[in-house]
Amino acid sequence: MALKIAPTSELCTSSLLGSTSGLASSGSTKFTGQKLRFGLSIKSRTKKACTRAARCSIQAPPPAWPGTAVVGEDRKVWDGPKPFSIIGSTGSIGTQTLDIVAEHPDKFKVVALAAGSNVTLLAEQVRMFKPKLVSVRNESLATELKEALADIEHKPEIVYGDEGMVEVAQHPEAVSVVTGIVGCAGLKPTVAAIEAGKDIALANKETLIAGGPFVLPLAHKHKVKILPADSEHSAIFQCIQGLPEGALRRIILTASGGAFRDWPVGKLKEVKVSDALKHPNWNMGKKITVDSATLFNKGLEVIEAHYLYGADYDNIEIVIHPQSIAHSMVETQDSSVLAQLGWPDMRLPILYTMSWPERVPCSEVTWPRLDLCKSGSLTFKAPDCVKYPSMDLAYSAGRAGGTMTGVFSSANEKAVELFIDERISYLDIFKVVEKTCDKHRNELVPRPSLEEIIHYDLWARKYAASLAQSSLEPAMV
């Protein structure tokens, strides 16, 4: 196996400027006190220099999980298989979680499920896993589910709506809750689970990206552990096991590069929706596949890494790793770099999140072992900052903190929806996000309440949707 790393001259550089009054050397992103100004000119970016804006003066909240990752004396215990609730059971994360439960019934069991509108699949899950409580989106779907389960002997209690999701999240028998639902819809049940003292197997990005300033103090108050279920943050989490306090120096997030990693920049104006949905390594839903193409997914993960591990934005970097074998890395203070490797398979990080701090033996048939000789060369290179302007936007939003990160995420979610519906072009995704964040800068709330987080999530979606294609200046690259 050959290991290849791009020369240092090709790597993106950081602009290490003052805490509140610095001005980035390219573009016009700047800070005025606690206000962030988004004025990034896509056409002015240079290809070999990713500029990170000045640090924000807002003090970051404590990390959700201590860097030492020590198993505390207050570790929860239970008899028999570990009981879980799952929010989003019919989605990608939920179905893979249930695959793990099915393979390891001696280790895990399900006591409550929450889903949206896929009643047919949910009914199958209820028959197989026999949860005690089930929630669906609305009352009519609850009636439909009840009819679908009329012939089973042990019927679950059926609830619906936001209140139903909260009941699932707070189920008294659940020790941990898997949050697989997409968007801010997952924020309320996650908060409810934390308030009920449940550990969180975190697959819902908005919990920290939008809710971090509110969720993290709440998690500390209730002594709840937030364990990352996505591949990159699970990799980081695994790498920091056993590190002493203060040992973490840098986080290195790996990115596949998505559908357009080999496209020339000039061709991006020709992108069609079908092009963006052709991920070279992973089989995922439409939204996350487009996010991988734009690299917004990695920008969101930068913000998550800041909240999860308390790392400064200057110490979080992105590298393109086309093979998706090294899922992310950490550098320690003595310059050692630790990486977690494995085949591209989302079940592995989900399994570790569910079983931590244990390691569960798995069948080599369903969990193929990594063969480095078969995987071949592992290559790494700097992301092209002209091709991926999402990085500048993500670092700027992250440094602004407060409600800006939630607005950034929500605007992107709406922009991707507009793109998939062919209402805007691919390059306009970046413009929608930039304009929405720019509009929000004067209303940024540094320490938002849950109500303010939800308010600005809804505002960002509405404002992004209002940006008709005709109002967007062509994105120049």
Protein backbone atom coordinates (compact mmCIF):
# COMPACT_ATOMS: atom_id res chain seq x y z
CA MET A 1 0.00 0.00 0.00
CA ALA A 2 1.37 3.39 -0.96
CA LEU A 3 0.60 6.38 1.23
CA LYS A 4 0.68 9.66 -0.64
CA ILE A 5 0.31 13.13 0.81
CA ALA A 6 0.18 16.33 -1.23
CA PRO A 7 3.23 18.63 -0.89
CA THR A 8 2.97 21.31 1.74
CA SER A 9 2.86 24.01 -0.92
CA GLU A 10 -0.52 22.70 -2.09
CA LEU A 11 -2.16 22.79 1.33
CA CYS A 12 -4.68 25.46 2.25
CA THR A 13 -3.25 28.03 4.64
CA SER A 14 -4.78 29.53 7.76
CA SER A 15 -4.93 33.24 8.44
CA LEU A 16 -4.09 33.55 12.14
CA LEU A 17 -5.40 37.02 12.86
CA GLY A 18 -6.47 39.00 15.89
CA SER A 19 -9.43 38.06 18.04
CA THR A 20 -12.01 40.68 17.01
CA SER A 21 -10.75 43.21 14.53
CA GLY A 22 -8.78 41.32 11.89
CA LEU A 23 -9.70 41.29 8.22
CA ALA A 24 -9.19 38.19 6.09
CA SER A 25 -6.56 38.58 3.40
CA SER A 26 -8.93 37.52 0.62
CA GLY A 27 -12.65 38.11 0.34
CA SER A 28 -14.23 40.58 2.73
CA THR A 29 -15.44 38.46 5.62
CA LYS A 30 -14.79 40.41 8.80
CA PHE A 31 -15.92 40.81 12.35
CA THR A 32 -17.18 43.87 14.10
CA GLY A 33 -17.45 43.02 17.78
CA GLN A 34 -19.78 40.03 17.83
CA LYS A 35 -21.25 40.64 14.38
CA LEU A 36 -20.13 38.60 11.39
CA ARG A 37 -20.13 40.13 7.94
CA PHE A 38 -20.52 37.75 5.03
CA GLY A 39 -19.14 39.44 1.94
CA LEU A 40 -17.18 36.59 0.40
CA SER A 41 -16.55 37.11 -3.29
CA ILE A 42 -16.48 33.69 -4.89
CA LYS A 43 -14.71 34.94 -7.98
CA SER A 44 -11.90 36.56 -5.95
CA ARG A 45 -10.72 33.44 -4.16
CA THR A 46 -7.35 32.07 -5.12
CA LYS A 47 -7.07 28.39 -5.88
CA LYS A 48 -4.29 27.56 -3.44
CA ALA A 49 -5.21 29.56 -0.37
CA CYS A 50 -8.18 28.89 1.86
CA THR A 51 -8.55 31.96 4.01
CA ARG A 52 -10.03 31.50 7.44
CA ALA A 53 -11.49 34.63 8.95
CA ALA A 54 -10.45 36.14 12.26
CA ARG A 55 -11.47 34.51 15.51
CA CYS A 56 -14.71 35.60 17.08
CA SER A 57 -14.68 37.12 20.54
CA ILE A 58 -17.64 35.02 21.70
CA GLN A 59 -16.42 32.50 24.24
CA ALA A 60 -17.09 28.94 23.10
CA PRO A 61 -19.24 26.71 25.31
CA PRO A 62 -17.60 23.70 26.94
CA PRO A 63 -17.20 20.59 24.76
CA ALA A 64 -20.05 18.10 24.96
CA TRP A 65 -17.57 15.33 25.54
CA PRO A 66 -14.25 15.69 27.43
CA GLY A 67 -11.15 15.08 25.32
CA THR A 68 -9.97 12.46 27.79
CA ALA A 69 -13.02 10.24 27.02
CA VAL A 70 -12.84 8.55 30.41
CA VAL A 71 -15.51 6.09 31.52
CA GLY A 72 -16.90 7.79 34.61
CA GLU A 73 -18.06 6.27 37.87
CA ASP A 74 -21.59 7.42 36.98
CA ARG A 75 -21.73 5.11 33.96
CA LYS A 76 -25.26 3.81 33.46
CA VAL A 77 -25.90 0.11 34.05
CA TRP A 78 -28.79 -2.14 33.02
CA ASP A 79 -29.80 -5.79 33.05
CA GLY A 80 -29.67 -7.72 29.77
CA PRO A 81 -29.48 -6.08 26.32
CA LYS A 82 -28.95 -2.32 26.32
CA PRO A 83 -32.34 -0.60 25.70
CA PHE A 84 -32.61 2.11 23.02
CA SER A 85 -35.14 4.52 21.63
CA ILE A 86 -34.71 5.46 17.96
CA ILE A 87 -35.83 8.79 16.48
CA GLY A 88 -36.10 8.39 12.70
CA SER A 89 -36.35 4.60 12.57
CA THR A 90 -37.32 4.36 8.89
CA GLY A 91 -34.48 6.58 7.64
CA SER A 92 -30.95 5.56 6.71
CA ILE A 93 -29.51 5.84 10.23
CA GLY A 94 -32.56 4.22 11.82
CA THR A 95 -32.66 1.19 9.50
CA GLN A 96 -28.93 0.59 9.90
CA THR A 97 -29.29 0.86 13.67
CA LEU A 98 -32.02 -1.77 13.58
CA ASP A 99 -29.80 -3.99 11.41
CA ILE A 100 -27.28 -3.88 14.25
CA VAL A 101 -29.95 -4.69 16.85
CA ALA A 102 -31.11 -7.64 14.72
CA GLU A 103 -27.58 -9.02 14.50
CA HIS A 104 -26.83 -8.53 18.19
CA PRO A 105 -30.06 -9.21 20.14
CA ASP A 106 -27.97 -10.23 23.14
CA LYS A 107 -26.39 -6.76 23.24
CA PHE A 108 -29.17 -4.35 22.21
CA LYS A 109 -32.95 -4.03 22.20
CA VAL A 110 -35.48 -1.40 21.11
CA VAL A 111 -38.13 -0.05 23.48
CA ALA A 112 -39.47 2.86 21.40
CA LEU A 113 -39.50 3.99 17.76
CA ALA A 114 -40.37 7.31 16.12
CA ALA A 115 -40.84 7.63 12.35
CA GLY A 116 -42.36 9.98 9.82
CA SER A 117 -44.83 8.74 7.23
CA ASN A 118 -43.46 5.38 6.08
CA VAL A 119 -46.11 3.32 7.85
CA THR A 120 -45.44 0.15 5.83
CA LEU A 121 -41.79 -0.06 6.89
CA LEU A 122 -42.56 1.05 10.43
CA ALA A 123 -45.16 -1.72 10.78
CA GLU A 124 -42.52 -4.26 9.70
CA GLN A 125 -40.12 -2.86 12.29
CA VAL A 126 -42.75 -3.09 15.02
CA ARG A 127 -43.46 -6.73 14.16
CA MET A 128 -39.77 -7.61 14.25
CA PHE A 129 -38.49 -5.60 17.22
CA LYS A 130 -41.63 -5.36 19.38
CA PRO A 131 -41.19 -1.86 20.82
CA LYS A 132 -43.50 -0.72 23.59
CA LEU A 133 -44.07 2.77 22.17
CA VAL A 134 -44.27 4.01 18.56
CA SER A 135 -44.73 7.51 17.16
CA VAL A 136 -45.66 8.75 13.67
CA ARG A 137 -46.01 12.20 12.12
CA ASN A 138 -49.73 12.83 12.55
CA GLU A 139 -53.02 11.40 13.76
CA SER A 140 -54.15 9.94 10.43
CA LEU A 141 -50.88 8.01 10.11
CA ALA A 142 -51.36 6.77 13.66
CA THR A 143 -54.75 5.38 12.65
CA GLU A 144 -53.19 3.78 9.56
CA LEU A 145 -50.46 2.16 11.67
CA LYS A 146 -53.00 0.87 14.17
CA GLU A 147 -54.88 -0.84 11.35
CA ALA A 148 -51.66 -2.31 9.94
CA LEU A 149 -50.89 -3.85 13.33
CA ALA A 150 -54.41 -5.07 14.11
CA ASP A 151 -53.43 -8.75 13.89
CA ILE A 152 -50.43 -8.74 16.24
CA GLU A 153 -50.80 -9.96 19.79
CA HIS A 154 -48.66 -7.50 21.73
CA LYS A 155 -49.55 -4.09 20.36
CA PRO A 156 -47.41 -1.04 21.15
CA GLU A 157 -48.82 2.23 22.38
CA ILE A 158 -49.13 4.54 19.35
CA VAL A 159 -48.63 8.30 19.64
CA TYR A 160 -48.00 11.03 17.06
CA GLY A 161 -46.64 14.48 16.32
CA ASP A 162 -43.90 16.39 18.11
CA GLU A 163 -45.30 15.28 21.45
CA GLY A 164 -45.09 11.68 20.31
CA MET A 165 -41.41 12.04 19.37
CA VAL A 166 -40.73 13.54 22.78
CA GLU A 167 -42.43 10.58 24.48
CA VAL A 168 -40.24 8.18 22.49
CA ALA A 169 -37.12 10.19 23.42
CA GLN A 170 -38.05 10.11 27.11
CA HIS A 171 -39.17 6.49 27.32
CA PRO A 172 -38.38 5.44 30.91
CA GLU A 173 -36.71 2.15 29.94
CA ALA A 174 -34.35 3.64 27.33
CA VAL A 175 -30.76 4.20 28.43
CA SER A 176 -29.75 5.87 25.16
CA VAL A 177 -31.50 7.55 22.22
CA VAL A 178 -30.36 7.29 18.60
CA THR A 179 -31.21 10.60 16.89
CA GLY A 180 -31.40 9.75 13.19
CA ILE A 181 -33.94 12.37 12.10
CA VAL A 182 -32.77 15.13 9.75
CA GLY A 183 -33.02 18.85 10.49
CA CYS A 184 -34.15 20.92 13.46
CA ALA A 185 -37.10 18.54 13.86
CA GLY A 186 -34.65 16.42 15.84
CA LEU A 187 -33.75 19.20 18.27
CA LYS A 188 -36.80 19.08 20.55
CA PRO A 189 -36.77 15.30 21.13
CA THR A 190 -33.01 15.41 21.68
CA VAL A 191 -33.40 18.13 24.30
CA ALA A 192 -36.20 16.11 25.91
CA ALA A 193 -33.98 13.04 26.02
CA ILE A 194 -31.16 15.00 27.65
CA GLU A 195 -33.54 16.44 30.25
CA ALA A 196 -34.66 12.87 30.98
CA GLY A 197 -31.03 11.83 31.53
CA LYS A 198 -30.65 9.74 28.37
CA ASP A 199 -27.30 9.42 26.62
CA ILE A 200 -27.40 10.55 22.99
CA ALA A 201 -26.15 8.54 20.00
CA LEU A 202 -25.87 11.60 17.81
CA ALA A 203 -26.63 11.38 14.10
CA ASN A 204 -28.65 14.62 13.91
CA LYS A 205 -26.23 17.40 12.98
CA GLU A 206 -28.57 20.25 13.94
CA THR A 207 -28.39 19.20 17.60
CA LEU A 208 -24.96 20.82 17.82
CA ILE A 209 -24.71 22.99 14.70
CA ALA A 210 -27.88 24.91 15.51
CA GLY A 211 -28.38 23.97 19.14
CA GLY A 212 -24.83 23.75 20.47
CA PRO A 213 -24.91 26.94 22.58
CA PHE A 214 -28.05 25.66 24.31
CA VAL A 215 -27.57 21.87 24.20
CA LEU A 216 -24.03 21.65 25.58
CA PRO A 217 -24.66 23.36 28.93
CA LEU A 218 -27.82 21.25 29.22
CA ALA A 219 -25.87 18.03 28.62
CA HIS A 220 -23.36 19.02 31.29
CA LYS A 221 -26.14 19.88 33.72
CA HIS A 222 -27.78 16.47 33.33
CA LYS A 223 -24.46 14.57 33.10
CA VAL A 224 -25.44 13.18 29.72
CA LYS A 225 -22.94 11.80 27.21
CA ILE A 226 -23.21 12.83 23.56
CA LEU A 227 -21.61 10.13 21.39
CA PRO A 228 -21.12 10.84 17.66
CA ALA A 229 -22.64 8.34 15.22
CA ASP A 230 -21.33 9.76 11.94
CA SER A 231 -18.14 8.28 10.51
CA GLU A 232 -15.86 11.31 10.81
CA HIS A 233 -16.66 12.25 14.39
CA SER A 234 -16.74 8.62 15.47
CA ALA A 235 -13.23 8.33 14.04
CA ILE A 236 -12.08 11.35 16.06
CA PHE A 237 -13.80 10.02 19.14
CA GLN A 238 -12.09 6.65 18.77
CA CYS A 239 -8.69 8.29 18.22
CA ILE A 240 -8.85 10.37 21.41
CA GLN A 241 -9.53 7.37 23.66
CA GLY A 242 -6.94 7.40 26.41
CA LEU A 243 -5.41 10.76 25.51
CA PRO A 244 -4.54 12.83 28.59
CA GLU A 245 -6.10 16.24 29.06
CA GLY A 246 -4.62 18.83 26.73
CA ALA A 247 -3.06 16.26 24.39
CA LEU A 248 -5.26 17.08 21.37
CA ARG A 249 -3.53 19.51 19.02
CA ARG A 250 -5.40 19.32 15.73
CA ILE A 251 -8.41 17.62 14.15
CA ILE A 252 -8.13 16.48 10.53
CA LEU A 253 -11.48 15.78 8.84
CA THR A 254 -11.27 13.65 5.72
CA ALA A 255 -13.63 14.23 2.79
CA SER A 256 -14.26 12.06 -0.25
CA GLY A 257 -14.55 15.16 -2.43
CA GLY A 258 -17.98 14.10 -3.63
CA ALA A 259 -19.28 13.83 -7.16
CA PHE A 260 -17.16 16.68 -8.57
CA ARG A 261 -13.76 16.03 -7.04
CA ASP A 262 -12.32 15.30 -10.51
CA TRP A 263 -14.30 17.95 -12.39
CA PRO A 264 -12.56 21.13 -13.55
CA VAL A 265 -13.94 24.22 -11.83
CA GLY A 266 -15.11 25.75 -15.10
CA LYS A 267 -17.46 22.82 -15.73
CA LEU A 268 -19.46 23.32 -12.50
CA LYS A 269 -21.84 25.79 -14.19
CA GLU A 270 -23.07 22.81 -16.25
CA VAL A 271 -23.95 20.62 -13.23
CA LYS A 272 -27.31 18.87 -13.31
CA VAL A 273 -29.09 17.31 -10.32
CA SER A 274 -28.36 13.83 -11.62
CA ASP A 275 -24.63 14.67 -11.67
CA ALA A 276 -24.62 15.81 -8.04
CA LEU A 277 -26.33 12.61 -6.89
CA LYS A 278 -23.56 10.32 -8.19
CA HIS A 279 -21.43 9.84 -5.09
CA PRO A 280 -18.28 7.81 -5.86
CA ASN A 281 -18.03 6.00 -2.49
CA TRP A 282 -21.18 6.17 -0.38
CA ASN A 283 -24.84 5.28 -0.89
CA MET A 284 -26.74 8.04 0.90
CA GLY A 285 -29.88 10.15 0.66
CA LYS A 286 -30.19 13.00 -1.83
CA LYS A 287 -29.54 15.85 0.60
CA ILE A 288 -26.32 14.48 2.11
CA THR A 289 -25.10 13.40 -1.35
CA VAL A 290 -25.47 16.96 -2.65
CA ASP A 291 -23.80 18.23 0.55
CA SER A 292 -20.88 15.94 -0.20
CA ALA A 293 -20.62 17.37 -3.72
CA THR A 294 -20.59 20.98 -2.43
CA LEU A 295 -18.50 20.06 0.64
CA PHE A 296 -21.10 21.73 2.85
CA ASN A 297 -21.20 18.43 4.74
CA LYS A 298 -17.59 18.93 5.74
CA GLY A 299 -18.19 22.55 6.70
CA LEU A 300 -21.00 21.39 8.98
CA GLU A 301 -18.67 18.77 10.46
CA VAL A 302 -16.09 21.47 11.21
CA ILE A 303 -18.69 23.23 13.34
CA GLU A 304 -19.68 19.94 14.99
CA ALA A 305 -16.04 19.17 15.79
CA HIS A 306 -15.70 22.54 17.49
CA TYR A 307 -18.70 21.83 19.69
CA LEU A 308 -17.97 18.15 20.34
CA TYR A 309 -14.30 18.46 21.22
CA GLY A 310 -13.82 22.12 22.10
CA ALA A 311 -11.22 22.53 19.33
CA ASP A 312 -10.45 26.02 18.04
CA TYR A 313 -11.39 26.56 14.40
CA ASP A 314 -7.73 27.21 13.57
CA ASN A 315 -7.03 23.65 14.70
CA ILE A 316 -9.67 21.93 12.55
CA GLU A 317 -8.66 21.12 8.98
CA ILE A 318 -10.16 19.40 5.96
CA VAL A 319 -8.31 17.12 3.54
CA ILE A 320 -9.61 15.31 0.46
CA HIS A 321 -9.18 11.54 0.78
CA PRO A 322 -10.85 9.93 -2.26
CA GLN A 323 -10.71 6.34 -0.96
CA SER A 324 -12.75 7.04 2.24
CA ILE A 325 -10.69 4.52 4.20
CA ALA A 326 -9.18 6.90 6.79
CA HIS A 327 -12.37 8.33 8.28
CA SER A 328 -10.61 11.16 10.12
CA MET A 329 -7.48 11.83 12.17
CA VAL A 330 -6.18 13.70 15.18
CA GLU A 331 -2.76 15.19 15.81
CA THR A 332 -1.41 15.15 19.36
CA GLN A 333 0.84 17.78 20.94
CA ASP A 334 3.97 15.77 20.12
CA SER A 335 2.99 15.75 16.39
CA SER A 336 1.84 12.11 16.31
CA VAL A 337 -1.15 11.57 14.03
CA LEU A 338 -3.73 8.93 14.93
CA ALA A 339 -6.29 7.71 12.39
CA GLN A 340 -9.27 5.34 12.38
CA LEU A 341 -9.51 3.22 9.23
CA GLY A 342 -12.21 0.97 7.81
CA TRP A 343 -14.29 0.23 4.74
CA PRO A 344 -16.94 2.88 3.95
CA ASP A 345 -19.78 1.47 6.08
CA MET A 346 -21.97 3.66 8.30
CA ARG A 347 -22.87 0.70 10.51
CA LEU A 348 -19.42 0.70 12.12
CA PRO A 349 -19.63 4.18 13.72
CA ILE A 350 -23.25 3.52 14.72
CA LEU A 351 -22.24 0.24 16.35
CA TYR A 352 -19.41 1.85 18.31
CA THR A 353 -21.69 4.65 19.48
CA MET A 354 -24.17 2.07 20.73
CA SER A 355 -21.62 -0.23 22.39
CA TRP A 356 -19.11 2.28 23.82
CA PRO A 357 -16.92 1.70 25.75
CA GLU A 358 -17.10 -1.94 24.68
CA ARG A 359 -16.09 -3.46 21.33
CA VAL A 360 -18.65 -5.92 19.96
CA PRO A 361 -17.34 -8.95 17.99
CA CYS A 362 -18.91 -9.03 14.52
CA SER A 363 -19.29 -11.62 11.77
CA GLU A 364 -16.72 -11.32 9.00
CA VAL A 365 -19.50 -12.08 6.52
CA THR A 366 -21.59 -9.01 7.30
CA TRP A 367 -18.67 -6.90 8.60
CA PRO A 368 -15.75 -7.48 6.18
CA ARG A 369 -12.35 -6.85 7.74
CA LEU A 370 -10.21 -4.12 6.23
CA ASP A 371 -7.48 -5.47 3.96
CA LEU A 372 -4.96 -2.70 3.33
CA CYS A 373 -3.37 -4.64 0.48
CA LYS A 374 -6.72 -4.77 -1.31
CA SER A 375 -7.52 -1.14 -0.58
CA GLY A 376 -4.38 -0.04 -2.44
CA SER A 377 -3.04 3.50 -2.29
CA LEU A 378 -4.37 6.02 0.21
CA THR A 379 -4.05 9.57 -1.07
CA PHE A 380 -4.63 12.95 0.54
CA LYS A 381 -4.72 16.44 -0.94
CA ALA A 382 -5.89 19.91 -0.04
CA PRO A 383 -9.44 20.85 -1.02
CA ASP A 384 -9.76 23.33 -3.86
CA CYS A 385 -11.15 26.45 -2.23
CA VAL A 386 -12.49 27.78 -5.53
CA LYS A 387 -14.39 24.57 -6.22
CA TYR A 388 -15.65 24.41 -2.63
CA PRO A 389 -16.50 27.97 -1.40
CA SER A 390 -18.61 26.30 1.29
CA MET A 391 -15.49 26.00 3.43
CA ASP A 392 -15.00 29.76 3.77
CA LEU A 393 -18.68 30.16 4.61
CA ALA A 394 -18.59 27.38 7.22
CA TYR A 395 -15.53 28.70 9.05
CA SER A 396 -17.02 32.21 9.06
CA ALA A 397 -20.36 30.99 10.41
CA GLY A 398 -18.62 28.87 13.02
CA ARG A 399 -16.53 31.74 14.27
CA ALA A 400 -19.61 33.95 14.50
CA GLY A 401 -21.23 31.32 16.69
CA GLY A 402 -24.61 31.76 18.33
CA THR A 403 -27.54 31.55 15.93
CA MET A 404 -25.35 31.98 12.82
CA THR A 405 -24.39 28.30 12.65
CA GLY A 406 -28.03 27.23 12.68
CA VAL A 407 -28.89 29.79 10.01
CA PHE A 408 -25.96 28.51 7.92
CA SER A 409 -27.21 24.91 8.18
CA SER A 410 -30.87 25.73 7.54
CA ALA A 411 -30.09 27.96 4.57
CA ASN A 412 -28.03 25.18 3.06
CA GLU A 413 -30.80 22.65 3.63
CA LYS A 414 -33.31 24.87 1.86
CA ALA A 415 -30.86 25.69 -0.95
CA VAL A 416 -30.25 22.00 -1.58
CA GLU A 417 -34.00 21.45 -1.71
CA LEU A 418 -34.33 24.28 -4.26
CA PHE A 419 -31.53 22.77 -6.33
CA ILE A 420 -33.00 19.25 -6.27
CA ASP A 421 -36.33 20.77 -7.35
CA GLU A 422 -34.41 22.52 -10.18
CA ARG A 423 -35.45 25.97 -8.99
CA ILE A 424 -31.85 27.17 -8.66
CA SER A 425 -28.56 26.09 -10.23
CA TYR A 426 -25.82 24.16 -8.47
CA LEU A 427 -23.59 27.22 -8.04
CA ASP A 428 -26.52 29.20 -6.66
CA ILE A 429 -26.51 26.94 -3.57
CA PHE A 430 -23.48 28.85 -2.32
CA LYS A 431 -25.08 32.21 -3.08
CA VAL A 432 -28.30 31.36 -1.23
CA VAL A 433 -26.36 30.38 1.89
CA GLU A 434 -24.09 33.42 1.73
CA LYS A 435 -26.96 35.87 1.24
CA THR A 436 -29.00 34.31 4.06
CA CYS A 437 -26.09 34.47 6.51
CA ASP A 438 -25.32 38.01 5.42
CA LYS A 439 -28.94 39.02 6.07
CA HIS A 440 -28.82 37.47 9.55
CA ARG A 441 -25.62 39.13 10.75
CA ASN A 442 -27.36 42.10 12.40
CA GLU A 443 -29.75 39.83 14.34
CA LEU A 444 -27.20 37.26 15.51
CA VAL A 445 -27.89 36.04 19.05
CA PRO A 446 -24.65 34.91 20.77
CA ARG A 447 -26.30 32.85 23.54
CA PRO A 448 -29.67 31.80 22.14
CA SER A 449 -32.50 30.06 23.92
CA LEU A 450 -34.12 26.98 22.38
CA GLU A 451 -36.98 29.16 21.18
CA GLU A 452 -34.57 31.58 19.46
CA ILE A 453 -32.72 28.69 17.79
CA ILE A 454 -35.97 27.31 16.38
CA HIS A 455 -37.16 30.80 15.39
CA TYR A 456 -34.06 31.52 13.32
CA ASP A 457 -34.09 28.05 11.80
CA LEU A 458 -37.56 28.76 10.42
CA TRP A 459 -36.56 32.29 9.43
CA ALA A 460 -33.51 31.07 7.50
CA ARG A 461 -35.54 28.53 5.54
CA LYS A 462 -38.16 31.13 4.66
CA TYR A 463 -35.59 33.73 3.64
CA ALA A 464 -33.56 31.25 1.58
CA ALA A 465 -36.73 30.15 -0.20
CA SER A 466 -37.53 33.78 -1.01
CA LEU A 467 -34.30 34.15 -2.94
CA ALA A 468 -35.70 33.45 -6.38
CA GLN A 469 -33.22 32.51 -9.05
CA SER A 470 -33.57 35.88 -10.72
CA SER A 471 -32.39 37.65 -7.56
CA LEU A 472 -29.13 35.74 -7.37
CA GLU A 473 -26.03 37.08 -9.01
CA PRO A 474 -24.27 34.44 -11.11
CA ALA A 475 -21.74 32.55 -9.03
CA MET A 476 -18.35 33.22 -10.62
CA VAL A 477 -15.64 30.56 -10.27
